[in-house]
Amino acid sequence: MQVEIQLFEFAPKVSEVQAGTTVTWTNHDAIIHSVTNGTSPTPAGAFNSGFFDLNQTFSFTFTQPGDYPYFCMRHPFMQGEIKVSPAR
């Protein structure tokens, strides 16, 4: 599953995956971003990419069902969510 970071947005903004799926975010902006679990300004701790630059990626494998909101620590208006359903 791919999520693109471009023009200060996560696309798709909401993704639905099954447990066991690896999601990879790719930064297409010429500025650093992060992918941080939680809602701004409070990280939740399941995952945090740290800052990464143009054409760099961050991947995370979702093993537990649930809803995982995330945001960019540098640009908190950038928000997204991964909805994880049980594996079939």
PDB file of N, CA and C in Angstrom:
ATOM      1  N   MET A   1       0.857  -1.184   0.000  1.00  0.00           N
ATOM      2  CA  MET A   1       0.000   0.000   0.000  1.00  0.00           C
ATOM      3  C   MET A   1       0.896   1.236   0.000  1.00  0.00           C
ATOM      4  N   GLN A   2       0.600   2.177  -0.863  1.00  0.00           N
ATOM      5  CA  GLN A   2       1.387   3.400  -1.010  1.00  0.00           C
ATOM      6  C   GLN A   2       0.565   4.623  -0.591  1.00  0.00           C
ATOM      7  N   VAL A   3       1.226   5.527   0.133  1.00  0.00           N
ATOM      8  CA  VAL A   3       0.651   6.837   0.426  1.00  0.00           C
ATOM      9  C   VAL A   3       1.659   7.866  -0.077  1.00  0.00           C
ATOM     10  N   GLU A   4       1.200   8.785  -0.894  1.00  0.00           N
ATOM     11  CA  GLU A   4       2.064   9.818  -1.456  1.00  0.00           C
ATOM     12  C   GLU A   4       1.960  11.085  -0.607  1.00  0.00           C
ATOM     13  N   ILE A   5       3.084  11.734  -0.408  1.00  0.00           N
ATOM     14  CA  ILE A   5       3.119  13.037   0.262  1.00  0.00           C
ATOM     15  C   ILE A   5       3.498  14.045  -0.820  1.00  0.00           C
ATOM     16  N   GLN A   6       2.544  14.912  -1.148  1.00  0.00           N
ATOM     17  CA  GLN A   6       2.781  15.877  -2.212  1.00  0.00           C
ATOM     18  C   GLN A   6       1.920  17.106  -1.983  1.00  0.00           C
ATOM     19  N   LEU A   7       2.534  18.263  -2.183  1.00  0.00           N
ATOM     20  CA  LEU A   7       1.839  19.539  -2.002  1.00  0.00           C
ATOM     21  C   LEU A   7       1.215  19.635  -0.607  1.00  0.00           C
ATOM     22  N   PHE A   8       1.983  19.163   0.393  1.00  0.00           N
ATOM     23  CA  PHE A   8       1.584  19.253   1.795  1.00  0.00           C
ATOM     24  C   PHE A   8       0.296  18.490   2.092  1.00  0.00           C
ATOM     25  N   GLU A   9       0.119  17.347   1.427  1.00  0.00           N
ATOM     26  CA  GLU A   9      -1.038  16.488   1.673  1.00  0.00           C
ATOM     27  C   GLU A   9      -0.621  15.028   1.622  1.00  0.00           C
ATOM     28  N   PHE A  10      -1.331  14.192   2.381  1.00  0.00           N
ATOM     29  CA  PHE A  10      -1.199  12.749   2.285  1.00  0.00           C
ATOM     30  C   PHE A  10      -2.273  12.257   1.313  1.00  0.00           C
ATOM     31  N   ALA A  11      -1.890  11.418   0.348  1.00  0.00           N
ATOM     32  CA  ALA A  11      -2.866  10.913  -0.611  1.00  0.00           C
ATOM     33  C   ALA A  11      -2.645   9.413  -0.817  1.00  0.00           C
ATOM     34  N   PRO A  12      -3.647   8.595  -0.516  1.00  0.00           N
ATOM     35  CA  PRO A  12      -4.958   9.015  -0.033  1.00  0.00           C
ATOM     36  C   PRO A  12      -4.904   9.469   1.419  1.00  0.00           C
ATOM     37  N   LYS A  13      -5.864  10.278   1.778  1.00  0.00           N
ATOM     38  CA  LYS A  13      -5.919  10.814   3.145  1.00  0.00           C
ATOM     39  C   LYS A  13      -6.310   9.723   4.139  1.00  0.00           C
ATOM     40  N   VAL A  14      -7.216   8.841   3.728  1.00  0.00           N
ATOM     41  CA  VAL A  14      -7.638   7.700   4.540  1.00  0.00           C
ATOM     42  C   VAL A  14      -7.421   6.438   3.718  1.00  0.00           C
ATOM     43  N   SER A  15      -6.746   5.461   4.317  1.00  0.00           N
ATOM     44  CA  SER A  15      -6.499   4.178   3.647  1.00  0.00           C
ATOM     45  C   SER A  15      -7.060   3.059   4.494  1.00  0.00           C
ATOM     46  N   GLU A  16      -7.638   2.063   3.836  1.00  0.00           N
ATOM     47  CA  GLU A  16      -8.160   0.885   4.526  1.00  0.00           C
ATOM     48  C   GLU A  16      -7.331  -0.313   4.100  1.00  0.00           C
ATOM     49  N   VAL A  17      -6.757  -1.020   5.090  1.00  0.00           N
ATOM     50  CA  VAL A  17      -5.904  -2.171   4.825  1.00  0.00           C
ATOM     51  C   VAL A  17      -6.257  -3.289   5.801  1.00  0.00           C
ATOM     52  N   GLN A  18      -5.762  -4.489   5.512  1.00  0.00           N
ATOM     53  CA  GLN A  18      -5.904  -5.612   6.428  1.00  0.00           C
ATOM     54  C   GLN A  18      -4.666  -5.711   7.306  1.00  0.00           C
ATOM     55  N   ALA A  19      -4.835  -6.262   8.501  1.00  0.00           N
ATOM     56  CA  ALA A  19      -3.692  -6.491   9.378  1.00  0.00           C
ATOM     57  C   ALA A  19      -2.645  -7.308   8.624  1.00  0.00           C
ATOM     58  N   GLY A  20      -1.393  -6.954   8.819  1.00  0.00           N
ATOM     59  CA  GLY A  20      -0.291  -7.595   8.116  1.00  0.00           C
ATOM     60  C   GLY A  20       0.192  -6.817   6.910  1.00  0.00           C
ATOM     61  N   THR A  21      -0.511  -5.736   6.573  1.00  0.00           N
ATOM     62  CA  THR A  21      -0.161  -4.915   5.410  1.00  0.00           C
ATOM     63  C   THR A  21       0.932  -3.917   5.772  1.00  0.00           C
ATOM     64  N   THR A  22       1.896  -3.767   4.874  1.00  0.00           N
ATOM     65  CA  THR A  22       2.918  -2.736   5.016  1.00  0.00           C
ATOM     66  C   THR A  22       2.500  -1.529   4.193  1.00  0.00           C
ATOM     67  N   VAL A  23       2.493  -0.377   4.830  1.00  0.00           N
ATOM     68  CA  VAL A  23       2.186   0.883   4.142  1.00  0.00           C
ATOM     69  C   VAL A  23       3.498   1.645   3.985  1.00  0.00           C
ATOM     70  N   THR A  24       3.723   2.177   2.780  1.00  0.00           N
ATOM     71  CA  THR A  24       4.925   2.965   2.502  1.00  0.00           C
ATOM     72  C   THR A  24       4.514   4.362   2.087  1.00  0.00           C
ATOM     73  N   TRP A  25       5.038   5.348   2.795  1.00  0.00           N
ATOM     74  CA  TRP A  25       4.824   6.755   2.480  1.00  0.00           C
ATOM     75  C   TRP A  25       6.042   7.245   1.697  1.00  0.00           C
ATOM     76  N   THR A  26       5.818   7.989   0.614  1.00  0.00           N
ATOM     77  CA  THR A  26       6.899   8.574  -0.179  1.00  0.00           C
ATOM     78  C   THR A  26       6.735  10.080  -0.188  1.00  0.00           C
ATOM     79  N   ASN A  27       7.811  10.780   0.176  1.00  0.00           N
ATOM     80  CA  ASN A  27       7.793  12.243   0.216  1.00  0.00           C
ATOM     81  C   ASN A  27       8.173  12.796  -1.160  1.00  0.00           C
ATOM     82  N   HIS A  28       7.237  13.473  -1.817  1.00  0.00           N
ATOM     83  CA  HIS A  28       7.478  14.094  -3.124  1.00  0.00           C
ATOM     84  C   HIS A  28       7.654  15.608  -3.009  1.00  0.00           C
ATOM     85  N   ASP A  29       7.667  16.128  -1.780  1.00  0.00           N
ATOM     86  CA  ASP A  29       7.875  17.560  -1.567  1.00  0.00           C
ATOM     87  C   ASP A  29       9.358  17.831  -1.294  1.00  0.00           C
ATOM     88  N   ALA A  30       9.817  18.988  -1.713  1.00  0.00           N
ATOM     89  CA  ALA A  30      11.217  19.373  -1.501  1.00  0.00           C
ATOM     90  C   ALA A  30      11.393  20.013  -0.121  1.00  0.00           C
ATOM     91  N   ILE A  31      10.738  19.423   0.864  1.00  0.00           N
ATOM     92  CA  ILE A  31      10.821  19.881   2.256  1.00  0.00           C
ATOM     93  C   ILE A  31      10.595  18.662   3.142  1.00  0.00           C
ATOM     94  N   ILE A  32      11.164  18.674   4.352  1.00  0.00           N
ATOM     95  CA  ILE A  32      11.010  17.511   5.214  1.00  0.00           C
ATOM     96  C   ILE A  32       9.592  17.409   5.777  1.00  0.00           C
ATOM     97  N   HIS A  33       9.176  16.159   5.961  1.00  0.00           N
ATOM     98  CA  HIS A  33       7.898  15.833   6.583  1.00  0.00           C
ATOM     99  C   HIS A  33       8.126  14.671   7.536  1.00  0.00           C
ATOM    100  N   SER A  34       7.122  14.392   8.368  1.00  0.00           N
ATOM    101  CA  SER A  34       7.133  13.174   9.177  1.00  0.00           C
ATOM    102  C   SER A  34       5.790  12.483   9.033  1.00  0.00           C
ATOM    103  N   VAL A  35       5.770  11.217   9.400  1.00  0.00           N
ATOM    104  CA  VAL A  35       4.547  10.433   9.504  1.00  0.00           C
ATOM    105  C   VAL A  35       4.515   9.967  10.956  1.00  0.00           C
ATOM    106  N   THR A  36       3.689  10.626  11.758  1.00  0.00           N
ATOM    107  CA  THR A  36       3.686  10.419  13.201  1.00  0.00           C
ATOM    108  C   THR A  36       2.299   9.990  13.658  1.00  0.00           C
ATOM    109  N   ASN A  37       2.197   8.805  14.249  1.00  0.00           N
ATOM    110  CA  ASN A  37       0.924   8.307  14.751  1.00  0.00           C
ATOM    111  C   ASN A  37       0.397   9.219  15.858  1.00  0.00           C
ATOM    112  N   GLY A  38      -0.898   9.511  15.808  1.00  0.00           N
ATOM    113  CA  GLY A  38      -1.558  10.337  16.806  1.00  0.00           C
ATOM    114  C   GLY A  38      -2.268  11.498  16.147  1.00  0.00           C
ATOM    115  N   THR A  39      -2.719  12.426  16.975  1.00  0.00           N
ATOM    116  CA  THR A  39      -3.336  13.651  16.475  1.00  0.00           C
ATOM    117  C   THR A  39      -2.558  14.825  17.043  1.00  0.00           C
ATOM    118  N   SER A  40      -2.308  15.796  16.200  1.00  0.00           N
ATOM    119  CA  SER A  40      -1.496  16.943  16.583  1.00  0.00           C
ATOM    120  C   SER A  40      -2.109  17.642  17.787  1.00  0.00           C
ATOM    121  N   PRO A  41      -1.329  17.983  18.761  1.00  0.00           N
ATOM    122  CA  PRO A  41       0.127  17.922  18.841  1.00  0.00           C
ATOM    123  C   PRO A  41       0.654  16.713  19.618  1.00  0.00           C
ATOM    124  N   THR A  42      -0.189  15.665  19.804  1.00  0.00           N
ATOM    125  CA  THR A  42       0.170  14.573  20.693  1.00  0.00           C
ATOM    126  C   THR A  42       0.430  13.264  19.948  1.00  0.00           C
ATOM    127  N   PRO A  43       1.687  12.848  19.834  1.00  0.00           N
ATOM    128  CA  PRO A  43       1.971  11.543  19.227  1.00  0.00           C
ATOM    129  C   PRO A  43       1.391  10.413  20.085  1.00  0.00           C
ATOM    130  N   ALA A  44       0.940   9.346  19.422  1.00  0.00           N
ATOM    131  CA  ALA A  44       0.378   8.195  20.133  1.00  0.00           C
ATOM    132  C   ALA A  44       1.401   7.080  20.327  1.00  0.00           C
ATOM    133  N   GLY A  45       2.436   7.041  19.506  1.00  0.00           N
ATOM    134  CA  GLY A  45       3.525   6.119  19.762  1.00  0.00           C
ATOM    135  C   GLY A  45       3.580   4.844  18.951  1.00  0.00           C
ATOM    136  N   ALA A  46       2.577   4.512  18.162  1.00  0.00           N
ATOM    137  CA  ALA A  46       2.638   3.257  17.392  1.00  0.00           C
ATOM    138  C   ALA A  46       3.719   3.319  16.309  1.00  0.00           C
ATOM    139  N   PHE A  47       3.877   4.488  15.676  1.00  0.00           N
ATOM    140  CA  PHE A  47       4.919   4.655  14.665  1.00  0.00           C
ATOM    141  C   PHE A  47       5.281   6.125  14.545  1.00  0.00           C
ATOM    142  N   ASN A  48       6.528   6.374  14.141  1.00  0.00           N
ATOM    143  CA  ASN A  48       7.006   7.739  13.912  1.00  0.00           C
ATOM    144  C   ASN A  48       8.206   7.651  12.979  1.00  0.00           C
ATOM    145  N   SER A  49       8.086   8.255  11.831  1.00  0.00           N
ATOM    146  CA  SER A  49       9.142   8.180  10.822  1.00  0.00           C
ATOM    147  C   SER A  49      10.343   9.041  11.150  1.00  0.00           C
ATOM    148  N   GLY A  50      10.161  10.045  12.020  1.00  0.00           N
ATOM    149  CA  GLY A  50      11.166  11.094  12.089  1.00  0.00           C
ATOM    150  C   GLY A  50      11.040  11.899  10.799  1.00  0.00           C
ATOM    151  N   PHE A  51      11.859  12.928  10.652  1.00  0.00           N
ATOM    152  CA  PHE A  51      11.763  13.743   9.434  1.00  0.00           C
ATOM    153  C   PHE A  51      12.479  13.061   8.288  1.00  0.00           C
ATOM    154  N   PHE A  52      11.836  13.074   7.114  1.00  0.00           N
ATOM    155  CA  PHE A  52      12.481  12.544   5.917  1.00  0.00           C
ATOM    156  C   PHE A  52      12.230  13.467   4.743  1.00  0.00           C
ATOM    157  N   ASP A  53      13.157  13.457   3.797  1.00  0.00           N
ATOM    158  CA  ASP A  53      13.265  14.474   2.751  1.00  0.00           C
ATOM    159  C   ASP A  53      12.724  13.986   1.409  1.00  0.00           C
ATOM    160  N   LEU A  54      12.876  14.806   0.410  1.00  0.00           N
ATOM    161  CA  LEU A  54      12.430  14.547  -0.962  1.00  0.00           C
ATOM    162  C   LEU A  54      12.866  13.165  -1.438  1.00  0.00           C
ATOM    163  N   ASN A  55      11.904  12.415  -1.964  1.00  0.00           N
ATOM    164  CA  ASN A  55      12.093  11.083  -2.543  1.00  0.00           C
ATOM    165  C   ASN A  55      12.476  10.009  -1.532  1.00  0.00           C
ATOM    166  N   GLN A  56      12.482  10.332  -0.255  1.00  0.00           N
ATOM    167  CA  GLN A  56      12.713   9.309   0.758  1.00  0.00           C
ATOM    168  C   GLN A  56      11.390   8.674   1.146  1.00  0.00           C
ATOM    169  N   THR A  57      11.475   7.476   1.735  1.00  0.00           N
ATOM    170  CA  THR A  57      10.275   6.735   2.111  1.00  0.00           C
ATOM    171  C   THR A  57      10.327   6.319   3.577  1.00  0.00           C
ATOM    172  N   PHE A  58       9.153   5.998   4.078  1.00  0.00           N
ATOM    173  CA  PHE A  58       9.002   5.409   5.407  1.00  0.00           C
ATOM    174  C   PHE A  58       7.965   4.305   5.277  1.00  0.00           C
ATOM    175  N   SER A  59       8.244   3.139   5.854  1.00  0.00           N
ATOM    176  CA  SER A  59       7.311   2.011   5.806  1.00  0.00           C
ATOM    177  C   SER A  59       6.995   1.525   7.209  1.00  0.00           C
ATOM    178  N   PHE A  60       5.763   1.053   7.385  1.00  0.00           N
ATOM    179  CA  PHE A  60       5.332   0.490   8.658  1.00  0.00           C
ATOM    180  C   PHE A  60       4.355  -0.640   8.370  1.00  0.00           C
ATOM    181  N   THR A  61       4.517  -1.762   9.073  1.00  0.00           N
ATOM    182  CA  THR A  61       3.609  -2.898   8.928  1.00  0.00           C
ATOM    183  C   THR A  61       2.601  -2.874  10.062  1.00  0.00           C
ATOM    184  N   PHE A  62       1.326  -2.841   9.700  1.00  0.00           N
ATOM    185  CA  PHE A  62       0.236  -2.789  10.666  1.00  0.00           C
ATOM    186  C   PHE A  62      -0.183  -4.212  11.023  1.00  0.00           C
ATOM    187  N   THR A  63       0.069  -4.607  12.262  1.00  0.00           N
ATOM    188  CA  THR A  63      -0.219  -5.979  12.676  1.00  0.00           C
ATOM    189  C   THR A  63      -1.506  -6.091  13.488  1.00  0.00           C
ATOM    190  N   GLN A  64      -1.981  -4.986  14.051  1.00  0.00           N
ATOM    191  CA  GLN A  64      -3.171  -5.002  14.899  1.00  0.00           C
ATOM    192  C   GLN A  64      -4.304  -4.198  14.265  1.00  0.00           C
ATOM    193  N   PRO A  65      -5.526  -4.755  14.247  1.00  0.00           N
ATOM    194  CA  PRO A  65      -6.672  -3.982  13.747  1.00  0.00           C
ATOM    195  C   PRO A  65      -6.889  -2.725  14.578  1.00  0.00           C
ATOM    196  N   GLY A  66      -7.446  -1.712  13.943  1.00  0.00           N
ATOM    197  CA  GLY A  66      -7.759  -0.459  14.623  1.00  0.00           C
ATOM    198  C   GLY A  66      -7.624   0.714  13.689  1.00  0.00           C
ATOM    199  N   ASP A  67      -7.890   1.892  14.208  1.00  0.00           N
ATOM    200  CA  ASP A  67      -7.766   3.132  13.448  1.00  0.00           C
ATOM    201  C   ASP A  67      -6.511   3.849  13.919  1.00  0.00           C
ATOM    202  N   TYR A  68      -5.672   4.232  12.975  1.00  0.00           N
ATOM    203  CA  TYR A  68      -4.388   4.855  13.267  1.00  0.00           C
ATOM    204  C   TYR A  68      -4.308   6.234  12.615  1.00  0.00           C
ATOM    205  N   PRO A  69      -4.740   7.274  13.324  1.00  0.00           N
ATOM    206  CA  PRO A  69      -4.568   8.618  12.776  1.00  0.00           C
ATOM    207  C   PRO A  69      -3.086   8.980  12.787  1.00  0.00           C
ATOM    208  N   TYR A  70      -2.689   9.858  11.876  1.00  0.00           N
ATOM    209  CA  TYR A  70      -1.302  10.321  11.850  1.00  0.00           C
ATOM    210  C   TYR A  70      -1.239  11.737  11.311  1.00  0.00           C
ATOM    211  N   PHE A  71      -0.090  12.386  11.536  1.00  0.00           N
ATOM    212  CA  PHE A  71       0.093  13.770  11.113  1.00  0.00           C
ATOM    213  C   PHE A  71       1.574  14.019  10.884  1.00  0.00           C
ATOM    214  N   CYS A  72       1.885  15.189  10.342  1.00  0.00           N
ATOM    215  CA  CYS A  72       3.268  15.624  10.155  1.00  0.00           C
ATOM    216  C   CYS A  72       3.643  16.525  11.328  1.00  0.00           C
ATOM    217  N   MET A  73       4.735  16.184  12.001  1.00  0.00           N
ATOM    218  CA  MET A  73       5.164  16.981  13.163  1.00  0.00           C
ATOM    219  C   MET A  73       5.537  18.414  12.783  1.00  0.00           C
ATOM    220  N   ARG A  74       6.036  18.618  11.581  1.00  0.00           N
ATOM    221  CA  ARG A  74       6.434  19.963  11.162  1.00  0.00           C
ATOM    222  C   ARG A  74       5.252  20.766  10.618  1.00  0.00           C
ATOM    223  N   HIS A  75       4.284  20.078  10.043  1.00  0.00           N
ATOM    224  CA  HIS A  75       3.113  20.721   9.425  1.00  0.00           C
ATOM    225  C   HIS A  75       1.855  20.028   9.966  1.00  0.00           C
ATOM    226  N   PRO A  76       1.425  20.359  11.195  1.00  0.00           N
ATOM    227  CA  PRO A  76       0.351  19.619  11.858  1.00  0.00           C
ATOM    228  C   PRO A  76      -0.995  19.634  11.131  1.00  0.00           C
ATOM    229  N   PHE A  77      -1.169  20.549  10.183  1.00  0.00           N
ATOM    230  CA  PHE A  77      -2.411  20.549   9.402  1.00  0.00           C
ATOM    231  C   PHE A  77      -2.455  19.370   8.436  1.00  0.00           C
ATOM    232  N   MET A  78      -1.305  18.745   8.191  1.00  0.00           N
ATOM    233  CA  MET A  78      -1.251  17.543   7.346  1.00  0.00           C
ATOM    234  C   MET A  78      -1.665  16.349   8.200  1.00  0.00           C
ATOM    235  N   GLN A  79      -2.808  15.745   7.853  1.00  0.00           N
ATOM    236  CA  GLN A  79      -3.324  14.631   8.645  1.00  0.00           C
ATOM    237  C   GLN A  79      -3.825  13.521   7.736  1.00  0.00           C
ATOM    238  N   GLY A  80      -3.751  12.310   8.233  1.00  0.00           N
ATOM    239  CA  GLY A  80      -4.253  11.152   7.507  1.00  0.00           C
ATOM    240  C   GLY A  80      -4.662  10.070   8.489  1.00  0.00           C
ATOM    241  N   GLU A  81      -5.123   8.951   7.956  1.00  0.00           N
ATOM    242  CA  GLU A  81      -5.539   7.846   8.819  1.00  0.00           C
ATOM    243  C   GLU A  81      -5.413   6.527   8.071  1.00  0.00           C
ATOM    244  N   ILE A  82      -4.969   5.511   8.795  1.00  0.00           N
ATOM    245  CA  ILE A  82      -4.951   4.143   8.295  1.00  0.00           C
ATOM    246  C   ILE A  82      -5.963   3.367   9.120  1.00  0.00           C
ATOM    247  N   LYS A  83      -6.939   2.736   8.451  1.00  0.00           N
ATOM    248  CA  LYS A  83      -7.943   1.906   9.111  1.00  0.00           C
ATOM    249  C   LYS A  83      -7.571   0.458   8.817  1.00  0.00           C
ATOM    250  N   VAL A  84      -7.290  -0.285   9.891  1.00  0.00           N
ATOM    251  CA  VAL A  84      -6.804  -1.651   9.750  1.00  0.00           C
ATOM    252  C   VAL A  84      -7.886  -2.631  10.201  1.00  0.00           C
ATOM    253  N   SER A  85      -8.292  -3.526   9.297  1.00  0.00           N
ATOM    254  CA  SER A  85      -9.268  -4.554   9.618  1.00  0.00           C
ATOM    255  C   SER A  85      -8.525  -5.869   9.896  1.00  0.00           C
ATOM    256  N   PRO A  86      -9.178  -6.812  10.575  1.00  0.00           N
ATOM    257  CA  PRO A  86      -8.521  -8.099  10.835  1.00  0.00           C
ATOM    258  C   PRO A  86      -8.145  -8.798   9.529  1.00  0.00           C
ATOM    259  N   ALA A  87      -7.047  -9.553   9.573  1.00  0.00           N
ATOM    260  CA  ALA A  87      -6.642 -10.324   8.391  1.00  0.00           C
ATOM    261  C   ALA A  87      -7.670 -11.423   8.144  1.00  0.00           C
ATOM    262  N   ARG A  88      -7.867 -11.736   6.882  1.00  0.00           N
ATOM    263  CA  ARG A  88      -8.835 -12.803   6.542  1.00  0.00           C
ATOM    264  C   ARG A  88      -8.149 -14.127   6.386  1.00  0.00           C
TER     265      ARG A  88
END
